[in-house]
Amino acid sequence: MARLVFFWISGGATQQAEWVVSSLLQLFEDEPGQTDCQMKEQEHVEIEGRIVTVLAGTMFRVELDNKHLVLATISGKMRKRFVRLTAGDRVKMEMSPYDLGKARIVWRIG
């Protein structure tokens, strides 16, 4: 986890301070060019299922191919585009590997 570090830059020490800041950023990066925020966006599992029950508050009970039931909600783009989902629709979802009981619906297949 990265920590925010403050420096007091005096006089002609700007080049030294830039070197220290750049070396600290390299220490906290897991891979070159990727930060912690970008890595968290990539940590999801894509899976397909069929909507079994429509619940209140744009929540859905979705059954996966292996008969596992998941509580799912609609993604923001689907809300923005007013995509309607009913029982029996096939959907593509994103799940976190840490909580396999919840998911986010990102695409309506049919």
PDB file of N, CA and C in Angstrom:
ATOM      1  N   MET A   1       0.848  -1.174   0.000  1.00  0.00           N
ATOM      2  CA  MET A   1       0.000   0.000   0.000  1.00  0.00           C
ATOM      3  C   MET A   1       0.891   1.234   0.000  1.00  0.00           C
ATOM      4  N   ALA A   2       0.603   2.150  -0.887  1.00  0.00           N
ATOM      5  CA  ALA A   2       1.412   3.355  -1.023  1.00  0.00           C
ATOM      6  C   ALA A   2       1.057   4.362   0.054  1.00  0.00           C
ATOM      7  N   ARG A   3       2.077   5.060   0.528  1.00  0.00           N
ATOM      8  CA  ARG A   3       1.882   6.122   1.508  1.00  0.00           C
ATOM      9  C   ARG A   3       2.253   7.442   0.875  1.00  0.00           C
ATOM     10  N   LEU A   4       1.568   8.480   1.271  1.00  0.00           N
ATOM     11  CA  LEU A   4       1.848   9.801   0.747  1.00  0.00           C
ATOM     12  C   LEU A   4       2.980  10.412   1.556  1.00  0.00           C
ATOM     13  N   VAL A   5       4.011  10.879   0.861  1.00  0.00           N
ATOM     14  CA  VAL A   5       5.188  11.432   1.518  1.00  0.00           C
ATOM     15  C   VAL A   5       5.320  12.892   1.118  1.00  0.00           C
ATOM     16  N   PHE A   6       5.488  13.784   2.093  1.00  0.00           N
ATOM     17  CA  PHE A   6       5.657  15.204   1.836  1.00  0.00           C
ATOM     18  C   PHE A   6       7.122  15.590   2.029  1.00  0.00           C
ATOM     19  N   PHE A   7       7.621  16.466   1.173  1.00  0.00           N
ATOM     20  CA  PHE A   7       8.980  16.955   1.264  1.00  0.00           C
ATOM     21  C   PHE A   7       8.966  18.465   1.359  1.00  0.00           C
ATOM     22  N   TRP A   8       9.903  19.007   2.092  1.00  0.00           N
ATOM     23  CA  TRP A   8      10.113  20.442   2.147  1.00  0.00           C
ATOM     24  C   TRP A   8      11.277  20.739   1.224  1.00  0.00           C
ATOM     25  N   ILE A   9      10.997  21.401   0.092  1.00  0.00           N
ATOM     26  CA  ILE A   9      12.016  21.667  -0.913  1.00  0.00           C
ATOM     27  C   ILE A   9      12.572  23.061  -0.673  1.00  0.00           C
ATOM     28  N   SER A  10      13.889  23.124  -0.486  1.00  0.00           N
ATOM     29  CA  SER A  10      14.514  24.419  -0.214  1.00  0.00           C
ATOM     30  C   SER A  10      15.522  24.743  -1.293  1.00  0.00           C
ATOM     31  N   GLY A  11      15.527  25.962  -1.731  1.00  0.00           N
ATOM     32  CA  GLY A  11      16.546  26.481  -2.644  1.00  0.00           C
ATOM     33  C   GLY A  11      16.738  25.667  -3.894  1.00  0.00           C
ATOM     34  N   GLY A  12      17.962  25.122  -4.085  1.00  0.00           N
ATOM     35  CA  GLY A  12      18.318  24.412  -5.309  1.00  0.00           C
ATOM     36  C   GLY A  12      18.175  22.911  -5.197  1.00  0.00           C
ATOM     37  N   ALA A  13      17.381  22.417  -4.264  1.00  0.00           N
ATOM     38  CA  ALA A  13      17.266  20.973  -4.050  1.00  0.00           C
ATOM     39  C   ALA A  13      16.116  20.359  -4.833  1.00  0.00           C
ATOM     40  N   THR A  14      15.640  21.019  -5.895  1.00  0.00           N
ATOM     41  CA  THR A  14      14.489  20.484  -6.624  1.00  0.00           C
ATOM     42  C   THR A  14      14.827  19.211  -7.374  1.00  0.00           C
ATOM     43  N   GLN A  15      16.025  19.120  -7.985  1.00  0.00           N
ATOM     44  CA  GLN A  15      16.393  17.907  -8.714  1.00  0.00           C
ATOM     45  C   GLN A  15      16.524  16.725  -7.776  1.00  0.00           C
ATOM     46  N   GLN A  16      17.092  16.945  -6.619  1.00  0.00           N
ATOM     47  CA  GLN A  16      17.228  15.874  -5.649  1.00  0.00           C
ATOM     48  C   GLN A  16      15.854  15.422  -5.160  1.00  0.00           C
ATOM     49  N   ALA A  17      14.958  16.359  -4.931  1.00  0.00           N
ATOM     50  CA  ALA A  17      13.617  16.007  -4.470  1.00  0.00           C
ATOM     51  C   ALA A  17      12.864  15.237  -5.547  1.00  0.00           C
ATOM     52  N   GLU A  18      13.017  15.625  -6.824  1.00  0.00           N
ATOM     53  CA  GLU A  18      12.369  14.888  -7.901  1.00  0.00           C
ATOM     54  C   GLU A  18      12.892  13.466  -7.980  1.00  0.00           C
ATOM     55  N   TRP A  19      14.197  13.278  -7.805  1.00  0.00           N
ATOM     56  CA  TRP A  19      14.768  11.934  -7.827  1.00  0.00           C
ATOM     57  C   TRP A  19      14.218  11.084  -6.688  1.00  0.00           C
ATOM     58  N   VAL A  20      14.096  11.668  -5.490  1.00  0.00           N
ATOM     59  CA  VAL A  20      13.583  10.930  -4.335  1.00  0.00           C
ATOM     60  C   VAL A  20      12.138  10.535  -4.568  1.00  0.00           C
ATOM     61  N   VAL A  21      11.315  11.450  -5.084  1.00  0.00           N
ATOM     62  CA  VAL A  21       9.910  11.148  -5.333  1.00  0.00           C
ATOM     63  C   VAL A  21       9.779  10.064  -6.393  1.00  0.00           C
ATOM     64  N   SER A  22      10.541  10.149  -7.485  1.00  0.00           N
ATOM     65  CA  SER A  22      10.440   9.135  -8.532  1.00  0.00           C
ATOM     66  C   SER A  22      10.911   7.767  -8.027  1.00  0.00           C
ATOM     67  N   SER A  23      11.955   7.730  -7.199  1.00  0.00           N
ATOM     68  CA  SER A  23      12.413   6.440  -6.683  1.00  0.00           C
ATOM     69  C   SER A  23      11.402   5.856  -5.703  1.00  0.00           C
ATOM     70  N   LEU A  24      10.725   6.697  -4.920  1.00  0.00           N
ATOM     71  CA  LEU A  24       9.689   6.197  -4.013  1.00  0.00           C
ATOM     72  C   LEU A  24       8.498   5.646  -4.785  1.00  0.00           C
ATOM     73  N   LEU A  25       8.109   6.298  -5.873  1.00  0.00           N
ATOM     74  CA  LEU A  25       7.006   5.786  -6.690  1.00  0.00           C
ATOM     75  C   LEU A  25       7.349   4.441  -7.290  1.00  0.00           C
ATOM     76  N   GLN A  26       8.607   4.235  -7.709  1.00  0.00           N
ATOM     77  CA  GLN A  26       9.014   2.954  -8.258  1.00  0.00           C
ATOM     78  C   GLN A  26       8.984   1.855  -7.204  1.00  0.00           C
ATOM     79  N   LEU A  27       9.252   2.197  -5.954  1.00  0.00           N
ATOM     80  CA  LEU A  27       9.201   1.196  -4.889  1.00  0.00           C
ATOM     81  C   LEU A  27       7.790   0.682  -4.666  1.00  0.00           C
ATOM     82  N   PHE A  28       6.791   1.567  -4.804  1.00  0.00           N
ATOM     83  CA  PHE A  28       5.417   1.186  -4.494  1.00  0.00           C
ATOM     84  C   PHE A  28       4.684   0.569  -5.677  1.00  0.00           C
ATOM     85  N   GLU A  29       5.247   0.621  -6.867  1.00  0.00           N
ATOM     86  CA  GLU A  29       4.597   0.031  -8.021  1.00  0.00           C
ATOM     87  C   GLU A  29       4.885  -1.460  -8.060  1.00  0.00           C
ATOM     88  N   ASP A  30       3.822  -2.270  -8.284  1.00  0.00           N
ATOM     89  CA  ASP A  30       3.996  -3.717  -8.398  1.00  0.00           C
ATOM     90  C   ASP A  30       4.583  -4.091  -9.749  1.00  0.00           C
ATOM     91  N   GLU A  31       4.094  -3.450 -10.818  1.00  0.00           N
ATOM     92  CA  GLU A  31       4.612  -3.668 -12.155  1.00  0.00           C
ATOM     93  C   GLU A  31       4.895  -2.308 -12.758  1.00  0.00           C
ATOM     94  N   PRO A  32       5.837  -2.211 -13.653  1.00  0.00           N
ATOM     95  CA  PRO A  32       6.133  -0.904 -14.261  1.00  0.00           C
ATOM     96  C   PRO A  32       4.922  -0.364 -15.017  1.00  0.00           C
ATOM     97  N   GLY A  33       4.542   0.842 -14.700  1.00  0.00           N
ATOM     98  CA  GLY A  33       3.435   1.484 -15.399  1.00  0.00           C
ATOM     99  C   GLY A  33       2.071   1.220 -14.814  1.00  0.00           C
ATOM    100  N   GLN A  34       1.948   0.370 -13.797  1.00  0.00           N
ATOM    101  CA  GLN A  34       0.652   0.084 -13.201  1.00  0.00           C
ATOM    102  C   GLN A  34       0.664   0.477 -11.739  1.00  0.00           C
ATOM    103  N   THR A  35      -0.394   1.146 -11.313  1.00  0.00           N
ATOM    104  CA  THR A  35      -0.535   1.507  -9.916  1.00  0.00           C
ATOM    105  C   THR A  35      -1.520   0.567  -9.244  1.00  0.00           C
ATOM    106  N   ASP A  36      -1.714   0.720  -7.926  1.00  0.00           N
ATOM    107  CA  ASP A  36      -2.628  -0.143  -7.180  1.00  0.00           C
ATOM    108  C   ASP A  36      -4.054  -0.011  -7.681  1.00  0.00           C
ATOM    109  N   CYS A  37      -4.478   1.199  -8.032  1.00  0.00           N
ATOM    110  CA  CYS A  37      -5.848   1.413  -8.494  1.00  0.00           C
ATOM    111  C   CYS A  37      -6.110   0.670  -9.792  1.00  0.00           C
ATOM    112  N   GLN A  38      -5.156   0.675 -10.714  1.00  0.00           N
ATOM    113  CA  GLN A  38      -5.342  -0.015 -11.973  1.00  0.00           C
ATOM    114  C   GLN A  38      -5.369  -1.522 -11.770  1.00  0.00           C
ATOM    115  N   MET A  39      -4.616  -2.035 -10.825  1.00  0.00           N
ATOM    116  CA  MET A  39      -4.601  -3.470 -10.595  1.00  0.00           C
ATOM    117  C   MET A  39      -5.912  -3.936  -9.985  1.00  0.00           C
ATOM    118  N   LYS A  40      -6.544  -3.126  -9.137  1.00  0.00           N
ATOM    119  CA  LYS A  40      -7.805  -3.522  -8.537  1.00  0.00           C
ATOM    120  C   LYS A  40      -8.923  -3.577  -9.564  1.00  0.00           C
ATOM    121  N   GLU A  41      -8.856  -2.744 -10.613  1.00  0.00           N
ATOM    122  CA  GLU A  41      -9.871  -2.773 -11.652  1.00  0.00           C
ATOM    123  C   GLU A  41      -9.827  -4.084 -12.426  1.00  0.00           C
ATOM    124  N   GLN A  42      -8.663  -4.690 -12.557  1.00  0.00           N
ATOM    125  CA  GLN A  42      -8.520  -5.883 -13.360  1.00  0.00           C
ATOM    126  C   GLN A  42      -8.881  -7.158 -12.599  1.00  0.00           C
ATOM    127  N   GLU A  43      -9.059  -7.088 -11.302  1.00  0.00           N
ATOM    128  CA  GLU A  43      -9.316  -8.280 -10.508  1.00  0.00           C
ATOM    129  C   GLU A  43     -10.798  -8.620 -10.504  1.00  0.00           C
ATOM    130  N   HIS A  44     -11.284  -9.267 -11.564  1.00  0.00           N
ATOM    131  CA  HIS A  44     -12.651  -9.736 -11.593  1.00  0.00           C
ATOM    132  C   HIS A  44     -12.750 -10.971 -12.475  1.00  0.00           C
ATOM    133  N   VAL A  45     -13.809 -11.739 -12.230  1.00  0.00           N
ATOM    134  CA  VAL A  45     -14.047 -12.964 -12.969  1.00  0.00           C
ATOM    135  C   VAL A  45     -15.304 -12.741 -13.799  1.00  0.00           C
ATOM    136  N   GLU A  46     -15.233 -12.978 -15.109  1.00  0.00           N
ATOM    137  CA  GLU A  46     -16.409 -12.843 -15.969  1.00  0.00           C
ATOM    138  C   GLU A  46     -17.085 -14.193 -16.079  1.00  0.00           C
ATOM    139  N   ILE A  47     -18.411 -14.203 -15.893  1.00  0.00           N
ATOM    140  CA  ILE A  47     -19.174 -15.443 -15.894  1.00  0.00           C
ATOM    141  C   ILE A  47     -20.571 -15.160 -16.427  1.00  0.00           C
ATOM    142  N   GLU A  48     -21.208 -16.181 -16.980  1.00  0.00           N
ATOM    143  CA  GLU A  48     -22.555 -16.029 -17.517  1.00  0.00           C
ATOM    144  C   GLU A  48     -23.548 -16.782 -16.648  1.00  0.00           C
ATOM    145  N   GLY A  49     -24.805 -16.315 -16.671  1.00  0.00           N
ATOM    146  CA  GLY A  49     -25.859 -16.960 -15.915  1.00  0.00           C
ATOM    147  C   GLY A  49     -27.222 -16.574 -16.445  1.00  0.00           C
ATOM    148  N   ARG A  50     -28.272 -17.107 -15.807  1.00  0.00           N
ATOM    149  CA  ARG A  50     -29.655 -16.840 -16.204  1.00  0.00           C
ATOM    150  C   ARG A  50     -30.396 -16.229 -15.011  1.00  0.00           C
ATOM    151  N   ILE A  51     -31.121 -15.133 -15.246  1.00  0.00           N
ATOM    152  CA  ILE A  51     -31.870 -14.465 -14.177  1.00  0.00           C
ATOM    153  C   ILE A  51     -33.032 -15.352 -13.756  1.00  0.00           C
ATOM    154  N   VAL A  52     -33.122 -15.640 -12.462  1.00  0.00           N
ATOM    155  CA  VAL A  52     -34.185 -16.470 -11.916  1.00  0.00           C
ATOM    156  C   VAL A  52     -35.278 -15.594 -11.308  1.00  0.00           C
ATOM    157  N   THR A  53     -34.883 -14.610 -10.507  1.00  0.00           N
ATOM    158  CA  THR A  53     -35.832 -13.770  -9.787  1.00  0.00           C
ATOM    159  C   THR A  53     -35.434 -12.311  -9.919  1.00  0.00           C
ATOM    160  N   VAL A  54     -36.445 -11.448 -10.126  1.00  0.00           N
ATOM    161  CA  VAL A  54     -36.225 -10.007 -10.124  1.00  0.00           C
ATOM    162  C   VAL A  54     -36.608  -9.501  -8.741  1.00  0.00           C
ATOM    163  N   LEU A  55     -35.663  -8.871  -8.044  1.00  0.00           N
ATOM    164  CA  LEU A  55     -35.893  -8.369  -6.693  1.00  0.00           C
ATOM    165  C   LEU A  55     -36.028  -6.850  -6.716  1.00  0.00           C
ATOM    166  N   ALA A  56     -36.384  -6.278  -5.596  1.00  0.00           N
ATOM    167  CA  ALA A  56     -36.541  -4.828  -5.490  1.00  0.00           C
ATOM    168  C   ALA A  56     -35.178  -4.141  -5.533  1.00  0.00           C
ATOM    169  N   GLY A  57     -35.180  -2.896  -5.986  1.00  0.00           N
ATOM    170  CA  GLY A  57     -33.956  -2.100  -5.982  1.00  0.00           C
ATOM    171  C   GLY A  57     -32.960  -2.524  -7.026  1.00  0.00           C
ATOM    172  N   THR A  58     -33.422  -2.929  -8.195  1.00  0.00           N
ATOM    173  CA  THR A  58     -32.590  -3.392  -9.319  1.00  0.00           C
ATOM    174  C   THR A  58     -31.608  -4.489  -8.890  1.00  0.00           C
ATOM    175  N   MET A  59     -32.076  -5.387  -8.059  1.00  0.00           N
ATOM    176  CA  MET A  59     -31.287  -6.552  -7.663  1.00  0.00           C
ATOM    177  C   MET A  59     -31.904  -7.784  -8.324  1.00  0.00           C
ATOM    178  N   PHE A  60     -31.079  -8.751  -8.623  1.00  0.00           N
ATOM    179  CA  PHE A  60     -31.523  -9.953  -9.317  1.00  0.00           C
ATOM    180  C   PHE A  60     -30.885 -11.178  -8.685  1.00  0.00           C
ATOM    181  N   ARG A  61     -31.619 -12.281  -8.675  1.00  0.00           N
ATOM    182  CA  ARG A  61     -31.080 -13.572  -8.265  1.00  0.00           C
ATOM    183  C   ARG A  61     -30.745 -14.307  -9.558  1.00  0.00           C
ATOM    184  N   VAL A  62     -29.461 -14.612  -9.756  1.00  0.00           N
ATOM    185  CA  VAL A  62     -28.984 -15.203 -11.003  1.00  0.00           C
ATOM    186  C   VAL A  62     -28.448 -16.593 -10.720  1.00  0.00           C
ATOM    187  N   GLU A  63     -28.831 -17.544 -11.575  1.00  0.00           N
ATOM    188  CA  GLU A  63     -28.345 -18.914 -11.453  1.00  0.00           C
ATOM    189  C   GLU A  63     -27.235 -19.139 -12.475  1.00  0.00           C
ATOM    190  N   LEU A  64     -26.089 -19.581 -12.012  1.00  0.00           N
ATOM    191  CA  LEU A  64     -24.964 -19.869 -12.891  1.00  0.00           C
ATOM    192  C   LEU A  64     -25.147 -21.236 -13.538  1.00  0.00           C
ATOM    193  N   ASP A  65     -24.263 -21.579 -14.450  1.00  0.00           N
ATOM    194  CA  ASP A  65     -24.365 -22.864 -15.141  1.00  0.00           C
ATOM    195  C   ASP A  65     -24.175 -24.045 -14.206  1.00  0.00           C
ATOM    196  N   ASN A  66     -23.468 -23.839 -13.096  1.00  0.00           N
ATOM    197  CA  ASN A  66     -23.239 -24.926 -12.134  1.00  0.00           C
ATOM    198  C   ASN A  66     -24.283 -24.930 -11.023  1.00  0.00           C
ATOM    199  N   LYS A  67     -25.440 -24.293 -11.237  1.00  0.00           N
ATOM    200  CA  LYS A  67     -26.594 -24.244 -10.320  1.00  0.00           C
ATOM    201  C   LYS A  67     -26.326 -23.429  -9.054  1.00  0.00           C
ATOM    202  N   HIS A  68     -25.286 -22.616  -9.046  1.00  0.00           N
ATOM    203  CA  HIS A  68     -24.990 -21.745  -7.913  1.00  0.00           C
ATOM    204  C   HIS A  68     -25.785 -20.452  -8.060  1.00  0.00           C
ATOM    205  N   LEU A  69     -26.435 -19.979  -6.982  1.00  0.00           N
ATOM    206  CA  LEU A  69     -27.223 -18.749  -7.020  1.00  0.00           C
ATOM    207  C   LEU A  69     -26.379 -17.570  -6.543  1.00  0.00           C
ATOM    208  N   VAL A  70     -26.495 -16.449  -7.249  1.00  0.00           N
ATOM    209  CA  VAL A  70     -25.715 -15.251  -6.974  1.00  0.00           C
ATOM    210  C   VAL A  70     -26.666 -14.062  -6.917  1.00  0.00           C
ATOM    211  N   LEU A  71     -26.404 -13.134  -5.998  1.00  0.00           N
ATOM    212  CA  LEU A  71     -27.145 -11.878  -5.936  1.00  0.00           C
ATOM    213  C   LEU A  71     -26.420 -10.866  -6.816  1.00  0.00           C
ATOM    214  N   ALA A  72     -27.130 -10.318  -7.820  1.00  0.00           N
ATOM    215  CA  ALA A  72     -26.475  -9.438  -8.786  1.00  0.00           C
ATOM    216  C   ALA A  72     -27.222  -8.120  -8.899  1.00  0.00           C
ATOM    217  N   THR A  73     -26.483  -7.081  -9.277  1.00  0.00           N
ATOM    218  CA  THR A  73     -27.049  -5.763  -9.527  1.00  0.00           C
ATOM    219  C   THR A  73     -26.612  -5.300 -10.913  1.00  0.00           C
ATOM    220  N   ILE A  74     -27.237  -4.232 -11.404  1.00  0.00           N
ATOM    221  CA  ILE A  74     -26.946  -3.729 -12.746  1.00  0.00           C
ATOM    222  C   ILE A  74     -25.770  -2.769 -12.688  1.00  0.00           C
ATOM    223  N   SER A  75     -24.923  -2.791 -13.709  1.00  0.00           N
ATOM    224  CA  SER A  75     -23.808  -1.844 -13.777  1.00  0.00           C
ATOM    225  C   SER A  75     -24.334  -0.453 -14.147  1.00  0.00           C
ATOM    226  N   GLY A  76     -23.496   0.535 -13.967  1.00  0.00           N
ATOM    227  CA  GLY A  76     -23.902   1.919 -14.206  1.00  0.00           C
ATOM    228  C   GLY A  76     -24.249   2.223 -15.651  1.00  0.00           C
ATOM    229  N   LYS A  77     -23.526   1.641 -16.601  1.00  0.00           N
ATOM    230  CA  LYS A  77     -23.821   1.893 -18.010  1.00  0.00           C
ATOM    231  C   LYS A  77     -25.176   1.311 -18.400  1.00  0.00           C
ATOM    232  N   MET A  78     -25.534   0.169 -17.816  1.00  0.00           N
ATOM    233  CA  MET A  78     -26.837  -0.414 -18.121  1.00  0.00           C
ATOM    234  C   MET A  78     -27.958   0.437 -17.519  1.00  0.00           C
ATOM    235  N   ARG A  79     -27.717   1.020 -16.353  1.00  0.00           N
ATOM    236  CA  ARG A  79     -28.700   1.931 -15.772  1.00  0.00           C
ATOM    237  C   ARG A  79     -28.869   3.165 -16.647  1.00  0.00           C
ATOM    238  N   LYS A  80     -27.751   3.688 -17.128  1.00  0.00           N
ATOM    239  CA  LYS A  80     -27.777   4.897 -17.941  1.00  0.00           C
ATOM    240  C   LYS A  80     -28.527   4.672 -19.253  1.00  0.00           C
ATOM    241  N   ARG A  81     -28.363   3.516 -19.852  1.00  0.00           N
ATOM    242  CA  ARG A  81     -28.995   3.200 -21.136  1.00  0.00           C
ATOM    243  C   ARG A  81     -30.384   2.578 -20.990  1.00  0.00           C
ATOM    244  N   PHE A  82     -30.889   2.468 -19.768  1.00  0.00           N
ATOM    245  CA  PHE A  82     -32.229   1.926 -19.474  1.00  0.00           C
ATOM    246  C   PHE A  82     -32.411   0.522 -20.053  1.00  0.00           C
ATOM    247  N   VAL A  83     -31.441  -0.344 -19.834  1.00  0.00           N
ATOM    248  CA  VAL A  83     -31.538  -1.733 -20.279  1.00  0.00           C
ATOM    249  C   VAL A  83     -32.469  -2.468 -19.324  1.00  0.00           C
ATOM    250  N   ARG A  84     -33.499  -3.079 -19.875  1.00  0.00           N
ATOM    251  CA  ARG A  84     -34.490  -3.797 -19.058  1.00  0.00           C
ATOM    252  C   ARG A  84     -34.126  -5.274 -18.986  1.00  0.00           C
ATOM    253  N   LEU A  85     -34.201  -5.837 -17.794  1.00  0.00           N
ATOM    254  CA  LEU A  85     -33.899  -7.247 -17.579  1.00  0.00           C
ATOM    255  C   LEU A  85     -35.121  -7.925 -16.978  1.00  0.00           C
ATOM    256  N   THR A  86     -35.454  -9.104 -17.456  1.00  0.00           N
ATOM    257  CA  THR A  86     -36.571  -9.873 -16.927  1.00  0.00           C
ATOM    258  C   THR A  86     -36.095 -11.277 -16.584  1.00  0.00           C
ATOM    259  N   ALA A  87     -36.940 -12.010 -15.896  1.00  0.00           N
ATOM    260  CA  ALA A  87     -36.609 -13.390 -15.528  1.00  0.00           C
ATOM    261  C   ALA A  87     -36.453 -14.222 -16.799  1.00  0.00           C
ATOM    262  N   GLY A  88     -35.416 -15.027 -16.837  1.00  0.00           N
ATOM    263  CA  GLY A  88     -35.139 -15.869 -17.994  1.00  0.00           C
ATOM    264  C   GLY A  88     -34.068 -15.318 -18.916  1.00  0.00           C
ATOM    265  N   ASP A  89     -33.679 -14.062 -18.764  1.00  0.00           N
ATOM    266  CA  ASP A  89     -32.641 -13.475 -19.612  1.00  0.00           C
ATOM    267  C   ASP A  89     -31.276 -14.041 -19.253  1.00  0.00           C
ATOM    268  N   ARG A  90     -30.442 -14.268 -20.284  1.00  0.00           N
ATOM    269  CA  ARG A  90     -29.050 -14.651 -20.062  1.00  0.00           C
ATOM    270  C   ARG A  90     -28.239 -13.381 -19.930  1.00  0.00           C
ATOM    271  N   VAL A  91     -27.328 -13.331 -18.955  1.00  0.00           N
ATOM    272  CA  VAL A  91     -26.529 -12.135 -18.697  1.00  0.00           C
ATOM    273  C   VAL A  91     -25.073 -12.523 -18.486  1.00  0.00           C
ATOM    274  N   LYS A  92     -24.186 -11.563 -18.777  1.00  0.00           N
ATOM    275  CA  LYS A  92     -22.768 -11.717 -18.476  1.00  0.00           C
ATOM    276  C   LYS A  92     -22.491 -10.857 -17.247  1.00  0.00           C
ATOM    277  N   MET A  93     -21.749 -11.396 -16.282  1.00  0.00           N
ATOM    278  CA  MET A  93     -21.512 -10.712 -15.017  1.00  0.00           C
ATOM    279  C   MET A  93     -20.034 -10.663 -14.707  1.00  0.00           C
ATOM    280  N   GLU A  94     -19.675  -9.718 -13.825  1.00  0.00           N
ATOM    281  CA  GLU A  94     -18.336  -9.631 -13.256  1.00  0.00           C
ATOM    282  C   GLU A  94     -18.445  -9.942 -11.776  1.00  0.00           C
ATOM    283  N   MET A  95     -17.582 -10.835 -11.311  1.00  0.00           N
ATOM    284  CA  MET A  95     -17.572 -11.210  -9.894  1.00  0.00           C
ATOM    285  C   MET A  95     -16.194 -10.961  -9.316  1.00  0.00           C
ATOM    286  N   SER A  96     -16.159 -10.563  -8.062  1.00  0.00           N
ATOM    287  CA  SER A  96     -14.899 -10.426  -7.362  1.00  0.00           C
ATOM    288  C   SER A  96     -14.443 -11.808  -6.904  1.00  0.00           C
ATOM    289  N   PRO A  97     -13.166 -12.104  -6.985  1.00  0.00           N
ATOM    290  CA  PRO A  97     -12.716 -13.409  -6.502  1.00  0.00           C
ATOM    291  C   PRO A  97     -12.789 -13.530  -4.985  1.00  0.00           C
ATOM    292  N   TYR A  98     -13.031 -12.422  -4.288  1.00  0.00           N
ATOM    293  CA  TYR A  98     -13.090 -12.448  -2.832  1.00  0.00           C
ATOM    294  C   TYR A  98     -14.494 -12.702  -2.305  1.00  0.00           C
ATOM    295  N   ASP A  99     -15.545 -12.363  -3.081  1.00  0.00           N
ATOM    296  CA  ASP A  99     -16.924 -12.575  -2.653  1.00  0.00           C
ATOM    297  C   ASP A  99     -17.680 -13.204  -3.806  1.00  0.00           C
ATOM    298  N   LEU A 100     -17.829 -14.516  -3.774  1.00  0.00           N
ATOM    299  CA  LEU A 100     -18.466 -15.241  -4.865  1.00  0.00           C
ATOM    300  C   LEU A 100     -19.974 -15.315  -4.732  1.00  0.00           C
ATOM    301  N   GLY A 101     -20.550 -14.577  -3.791  1.00  0.00           N
ATOM    302  CA  GLY A 101     -21.998 -14.556  -3.624  1.00  0.00           C
ATOM    303  C   GLY A 101     -22.653 -13.347  -4.258  1.00  0.00           C
ATOM    304  N   LYS A 102     -21.853 -12.387  -4.720  1.00  0.00           N
ATOM    305  CA  LYS A 102     -22.385 -11.162  -5.320  1.00  0.00           C
ATOM    306  C   LYS A 102     -21.726 -10.936  -6.677  1.00  0.00           C
ATOM    307  N   ALA A 103     -22.455 -10.227  -7.558  1.00  0.00           N
ATOM    308  CA  ALA A 103     -21.931  -9.960  -8.891  1.00  0.00           C
ATOM    309  C   ALA A 103     -22.527  -8.669  -9.430  1.00  0.00           C
ATOM    310  N   ARG A 104     -21.947  -8.192 -10.538  1.00  0.00           N
ATOM    311  CA  ARG A 104     -22.451  -7.006 -11.233  1.00  0.00           C
ATOM    312  C   ARG A 104     -22.740  -7.406 -12.667  1.00  0.00           C
ATOM    313  N   ILE A 105     -23.968  -7.156 -13.118  1.00  0.00           N
ATOM    314  CA  ILE A 105     -24.376  -7.502 -14.476  1.00  0.00           C
ATOM    315  C   ILE A 105     -23.857  -6.425 -15.418  1.00  0.00           C
ATOM    316  N   VAL A 106     -23.097  -6.844 -16.432  1.00  0.00           N
ATOM    317  CA  VAL A 106     -22.500  -5.882 -17.355  1.00  0.00           C
ATOM    318  C   VAL A 106     -23.043  -6.025 -18.788  1.00  0.00           C
ATOM    319  N   TRP A 107     -23.727  -7.133 -19.106  1.00  0.00           N
ATOM    320  CA  TRP A 107     -24.200  -7.323 -20.467  1.00  0.00           C
ATOM    321  C   TRP A 107     -25.421  -8.235 -20.475  1.00  0.00           C
ATOM    322  N   ARG A 108     -26.402  -7.899 -21.310  1.00  0.00           N
ATOM    323  CA  ARG A 108     -27.590  -8.750 -21.496  1.00  0.00           C
ATOM    324  C   ARG A 108     -27.409  -9.532 -22.773  1.00  0.00           C
ATOM    325  N   ILE A 109     -27.375 -10.854 -22.676  1.00  0.00           N
ATOM    326  CA  ILE A 109     -27.132 -11.707 -23.846  1.00  0.00           C
ATOM    327  C   ILE A 109     -28.437 -11.980 -24.574  1.00  0.00           C
ATOM    328  N   GLY A 110     -29.495 -12.270 -23.843  1.00  0.00           N
ATOM    329  CA  GLY A 110     -30.765 -12.521 -24.513  1.00  0.00           C
ATOM    330  C   GLY A 110     -31.765 -13.216 -23.656  1.00  0.00           C
TER     331      GLY A 110
END
